[in-house]
Amino acid sequence: MGRAFEYRKARKMKRWANMAKSFTRVGREIAIAVKEGGGDPEYNPRLRMAIQNGKAANMPKSNIDNAIAKALGKDSANYAEIVYEGYAPHGIAVLVETATDNSTRTVANVRHVFSKYGGSLGTSGSVDYMFSRKGIFTIKKDTAGDLEEFEFEMIDHGLEEIKPEDDDLLLFCDFADYGSLSKALDDKSIEPSESKLDRIPSIHKKLNDEQVEEVIKLIEKMEEDEDVLQVFHTMDMEE
């Protein structure tokens, strides 16, 4: 009974810790979005995306509103977006997106994780060319109406590809067209269930199960750092 209680307690503590990290990351995304495009989500697609991420993480509306207000304040933290590049074990290219108010701390932490888990921190441009930065919107199929007509209309706003997935449609666009496609969906009163900026690898490398575990360990440790927003890699994740 005692061990079961401790196990449940540990799992609960871990969930709370993960939630706290998610809220911290969303807060930084909001701060960067506000700095970039102002505090009105109607005119700031990146802020809308950050708010959606907050909702997806079960972040209370009051926390989201407070994060926006704080970002608009005079004493708001000045977060910089920095992307680190390197290699995980077995030649897997890795991109680490961060939001930091102390780049010295962040690069030291990123370098430490790479070194400790069999990888290496690279120089700027060393692996970035292996990834394309894309905007991805997830909408319900039934909100698009006539799919062919919808696709032709969205192409004028940067749509590159549509992928059906169960009851959803995934809409892909270039990073530069994220705002345009976001506004086009708003104009049609289509609210994405998810929107994000992703880095899609142009190459994939297949590893055996043991090698996969080594790479995943590095990625998971990297994601534990609250300065880290997202980690992308070239490992083939198909079964």
Protein backbone atom coordinates (compact mmCIF):
# COMPACT_ATOMS: atom_id res chain seq x y z
CA MET A 1 0.00 0.00 0.00
CA GLY A 2 2.79 2.41 0.93
CA ARG A 3 4.74 1.84 -2.28
CA ALA A 4 1.56 2.19 -4.37
CA PHE A 5 0.82 5.50 -2.67
CA GLU A 6 4.35 6.77 -3.27
CA TYR A 7 4.15 5.70 -6.91
CA ARG A 8 0.85 7.57 -7.44
CA LYS A 9 2.27 10.58 -5.63
CA ALA A 10 5.39 10.57 -7.82
CA ARG A 11 3.28 10.35 -11.00
CA LYS A 12 1.08 13.22 -9.83
CA MET A 13 4.15 15.34 -9.04
CA LYS A 14 5.55 14.59 -12.48
CA ARG A 15 2.29 15.64 -14.15
CA TRP A 16 2.31 18.92 -12.23
CA ALA A 17 5.96 19.51 -13.14
CA ASN A 18 5.26 18.87 -16.83
CA MET A 19 2.27 21.21 -16.71
CA ALA A 20 4.36 23.94 -15.09
CA LYS A 21 6.99 23.59 -17.82
CA SER A 22 4.30 23.74 -20.50
CA PHE A 23 2.90 26.94 -19.00
CA THR A 24 6.39 28.47 -18.86
CA ARG A 25 7.01 27.67 -22.51
CA VAL A 26 3.64 29.02 -23.61
CA GLY A 27 4.33 32.19 -21.61
CA ARG A 28 7.57 32.67 -23.51
CA GLU A 29 5.86 31.98 -26.83
CA ILE A 30 3.30 34.65 -25.94
CA ALA A 31 6.04 37.11 -24.96
CA ILE A 32 7.85 36.62 -28.27
CA ALA A 33 4.61 36.83 -30.26
CA VAL A 34 3.55 40.06 -28.52
CA LYS A 35 6.97 41.61 -29.07
CA GLU A 36 6.79 40.62 -32.73
CA GLY A 37 3.21 41.61 -33.58
CA GLY A 38 1.43 43.27 -30.65
CA GLY A 39 -1.08 42.08 -28.08
CA ASP A 40 -4.21 41.70 -30.22
CA PRO A 41 -4.56 38.09 -31.40
CA GLU A 42 -6.98 39.18 -34.13
CA TYR A 43 -4.09 40.90 -35.91
CA ASN A 44 -1.27 38.71 -34.65
CA PRO A 45 -1.42 35.12 -36.02
CA ARG A 46 1.58 34.04 -34.00
CA LEU A 47 -0.11 35.17 -30.80
CA ARG A 48 -3.22 33.22 -31.80
CA MET A 49 -1.01 30.17 -32.22
CA ALA A 50 0.54 30.68 -28.77
CA ILE A 51 -2.91 31.05 -27.21
CA GLN A 52 -4.04 27.83 -28.90
CA ASN A 53 -0.95 26.09 -27.52
CA GLY A 54 -1.89 27.36 -24.08
CA LYS A 55 -5.42 26.01 -24.38
CA ALA A 56 -4.07 22.66 -25.58
CA ALA A 57 -1.87 22.54 -22.45
CA ASN A 58 -4.95 23.27 -20.26
CA MET A 59 -3.55 26.66 -19.33
CA PRO A 60 -6.29 28.72 -17.62
CA LYS A 61 -7.56 31.74 -19.54
CA SER A 62 -6.50 34.00 -16.65
CA ASN A 63 -2.90 32.76 -17.03
CA ILE A 64 -2.98 33.44 -20.77
CA ASP A 65 -4.41 36.94 -20.25
CA ASN A 66 -1.80 37.64 -17.56
CA ALA A 67 1.00 36.47 -19.87
CA ILE A 68 -0.19 38.86 -22.60
CA ALA A 69 -0.49 41.75 -20.13
CA LYS A 70 2.95 41.01 -18.74
CA ALA A 71 4.45 40.92 -22.24
CA LEU A 72 2.94 44.34 -22.95
CA GLY A 73 4.37 45.82 -19.74
CA LYS A 74 7.47 47.97 -19.47
CA ASP A 75 9.28 45.43 -17.31
CA SER A 76 8.60 42.41 -19.52
CA ALA A 77 11.43 39.94 -19.99
CA ASN A 78 13.27 40.27 -23.27
CA TYR A 79 13.25 36.75 -24.68
CA ALA A 80 15.31 35.97 -27.76
CA GLU A 81 14.63 33.11 -30.14
CA ILE A 82 17.81 31.11 -30.69
CA VAL A 83 18.10 27.90 -32.70
CA TYR A 84 20.92 25.49 -31.86
CA GLU A 85 22.11 22.82 -34.27
CA GLY A 86 23.94 19.60 -33.68
CA TYR A 87 24.00 15.85 -33.89
CA ALA A 88 22.57 13.15 -31.65
CA PRO A 89 24.19 9.71 -31.60
CA HIS A 90 24.36 7.73 -34.88
CA GLY A 91 24.47 10.81 -37.09
CA ILE A 92 20.95 12.09 -36.37
CA ALA A 93 20.70 15.82 -37.11
CA VAL A 94 18.97 17.86 -34.39
CA LEU A 95 17.54 21.39 -34.29
CA VAL A 96 16.73 22.90 -30.90
CA GLU A 97 14.42 25.92 -30.79
CA THR A 98 14.78 27.99 -27.62
CA ALA A 99 13.36 31.16 -26.10
CA THR A 100 15.77 32.62 -23.58
CA ASP A 101 16.61 35.73 -21.59
CA ASN A 102 20.10 34.38 -20.92
CA SER A 103 21.81 32.89 -23.97
CA THR A 104 24.96 32.04 -21.98
CA ARG A 105 22.95 29.76 -19.69
CA THR A 106 20.99 28.24 -22.54
CA VAL A 107 23.91 27.38 -24.79
CA ALA A 108 25.74 25.84 -21.84
CA ASN A 109 22.74 23.65 -21.02
CA VAL A 110 22.23 22.62 -24.64
CA ARG A 111 25.93 21.80 -25.08
CA HIS A 112 25.88 19.76 -21.85
CA VAL A 113 22.95 17.60 -23.01
CA PHE A 114 24.53 16.99 -26.41
CA SER A 115 27.84 15.97 -24.81
CA LYS A 116 26.40 13.86 -21.99
CA TYR A 117 24.16 11.81 -24.27
CA GLY A 118 26.55 11.03 -27.09
CA GLY A 119 25.94 13.99 -29.39
CA SER A 120 27.70 17.21 -30.29
CA LEU A 121 26.71 20.85 -30.63
CA GLY A 122 27.35 22.13 -34.15
CA THR A 123 27.78 25.52 -35.73
CA SER A 124 25.05 27.68 -37.26
CA GLY A 125 24.00 26.25 -40.61
CA SER A 126 25.49 22.81 -39.98
CA VAL A 127 22.14 20.98 -40.12
CA ASP A 128 19.52 23.68 -40.75
CA TYR A 129 19.64 23.00 -44.51
CA MET A 130 18.17 19.54 -43.84
CA PHE A 131 14.88 21.06 -42.60
CA SER A 132 12.13 23.16 -44.14
CA ARG A 133 10.20 25.50 -41.84
CA LYS A 134 6.47 25.12 -42.40
CA GLY A 135 3.20 26.30 -40.92
CA ILE A 136 0.69 23.52 -40.23
CA PHE A 137 -3.00 24.03 -39.48
CA THR A 138 -5.37 21.26 -38.41
CA ILE A 139 -9.03 21.82 -39.25
CA LYS A 140 -12.13 19.61 -39.31
CA LYS A 141 -12.98 18.25 -42.76
CA ASP A 142 -16.58 19.37 -42.56
CA THR A 143 -15.56 23.03 -42.09
CA ALA A 144 -13.87 23.18 -45.51
CA GLY A 145 -17.02 22.63 -47.59
CA ASP A 146 -16.24 21.66 -51.17
CA LEU A 147 -12.65 20.45 -50.83
CA GLU A 148 -11.53 21.28 -54.37
CA GLU A 149 -12.95 24.79 -54.20
CA PHE A 150 -11.48 25.29 -50.72
CA GLU A 151 -8.05 24.16 -51.88
CA PHE A 152 -8.00 26.52 -54.87
CA GLU A 153 -9.03 29.40 -52.64
CA MET A 154 -6.39 28.67 -50.00
CA ILE A 155 -3.61 28.31 -52.60
CA ASP A 156 -3.95 32.07 -53.15
CA HIS A 157 -3.01 32.50 -49.48
CA GLY A 158 0.04 30.24 -49.43
CA LEU A 159 -1.40 26.74 -49.09
CA GLU A 160 1.11 24.18 -50.40
CA GLU A 161 -0.49 20.86 -49.50
CA ILE A 162 -3.55 19.30 -47.87
CA LYS A 163 -3.34 15.93 -46.10
CA PRO A 164 -6.48 14.15 -44.88
CA GLU A 165 -6.11 12.53 -41.45
CA ASP A 166 -9.19 10.79 -40.04
CA ASP A 167 -11.81 13.56 -39.59
CA ASP A 168 -9.22 16.32 -39.99
CA LEU A 169 -7.39 18.13 -42.74
CA LEU A 170 -3.75 19.16 -42.30
CA LEU A 171 -2.90 22.33 -44.22
CA PHE A 172 0.77 23.02 -44.98
CA CYS A 173 2.28 26.36 -45.97
CA ASP A 174 5.69 27.99 -46.07
CA PHE A 175 6.77 29.77 -42.88
CA ALA A 176 6.52 33.15 -44.66
CA ASP A 177 2.86 32.47 -45.55
CA TYR A 178 1.74 31.46 -42.05
CA GLY A 179 0.05 34.80 -41.32
CA SER A 180 -1.67 34.96 -44.71
CA LEU A 181 -3.15 31.46 -44.45
CA SER A 182 -4.16 32.05 -40.84
CA LYS A 183 -6.08 35.19 -41.84
CA ALA A 184 -7.74 33.39 -44.78
CA LEU A 185 -9.06 30.73 -42.39
CA ASP A 186 -10.28 33.46 -40.01
CA ASP A 187 -12.09 35.20 -42.86
CA LYS A 188 -13.96 31.93 -43.51
CA SER A 189 -14.72 31.56 -39.78
CA ILE A 190 -12.68 28.36 -39.64
CA GLU A 191 -10.93 27.91 -36.29
CA PRO A 192 -8.07 25.39 -36.41
CA SER A 193 -8.01 22.83 -33.62
CA GLU A 194 -4.22 23.21 -33.77
CA SER A 195 -1.73 25.42 -35.54
CA LYS A 196 2.04 25.31 -35.29
CA LEU A 197 5.35 26.16 -36.89
CA ASP A 198 7.24 22.98 -37.67
CA ARG A 199 10.61 22.06 -39.13
CA ILE A 200 10.20 19.14 -41.51
CA PRO A 201 13.32 17.11 -42.34
CA SER A 202 14.12 16.53 -46.00
CA ILE A 203 15.99 13.32 -45.13
CA HIS A 204 15.37 10.53 -42.62
CA LYS A 205 17.73 7.99 -41.13
CA LYS A 206 16.58 4.55 -40.01
CA LEU A 207 18.02 3.20 -36.75
CA ASN A 208 17.62 -0.05 -34.85
CA ASP A 209 15.63 -0.12 -31.60
CA GLU A 210 18.65 0.27 -29.34
CA GLN A 211 19.95 3.25 -31.32
CA VAL A 212 16.49 4.84 -31.33
CA GLU A 213 16.42 4.67 -27.53
CA GLU A 214 19.75 6.50 -27.31
CA VAL A 215 18.51 9.32 -29.53
CA ILE A 216 15.18 9.57 -27.70
CA LYS A 217 17.00 9.87 -24.38
CA LEU A 218 18.95 12.88 -25.68
CA ILE A 219 15.80 14.49 -27.08
CA GLU A 220 13.83 13.96 -23.88
CA LYS A 221 16.62 15.43 -21.75
CA MET A 222 16.83 18.42 -24.09
CA GLU A 223 13.07 18.99 -23.82
CA GLU A 224 13.28 19.05 -20.02
CA ASP A 225 15.08 22.41 -20.18
CA GLU A 226 12.48 25.17 -19.77
CA ASP A 227 14.36 27.36 -22.27
CA VAL A 228 13.71 24.75 -24.97
CA LEU A 229 10.51 25.16 -26.99
CA GLN A 230 10.82 22.36 -29.55
CA VAL A 231 13.33 19.77 -30.73
CA PHE A 232 13.40 18.48 -34.31
CA HIS A 233 15.42 15.60 -35.73
CA THR A 234 16.03 13.47 -38.82
CA MET A 235 15.41 10.08 -37.22
CA ASP A 236 12.94 7.89 -39.14
CA MET A 237 10.02 7.34 -36.74
CA GLU A 238 8.01 5.05 -39.00
CA GLU A 239 7.41 1.52 -37.75
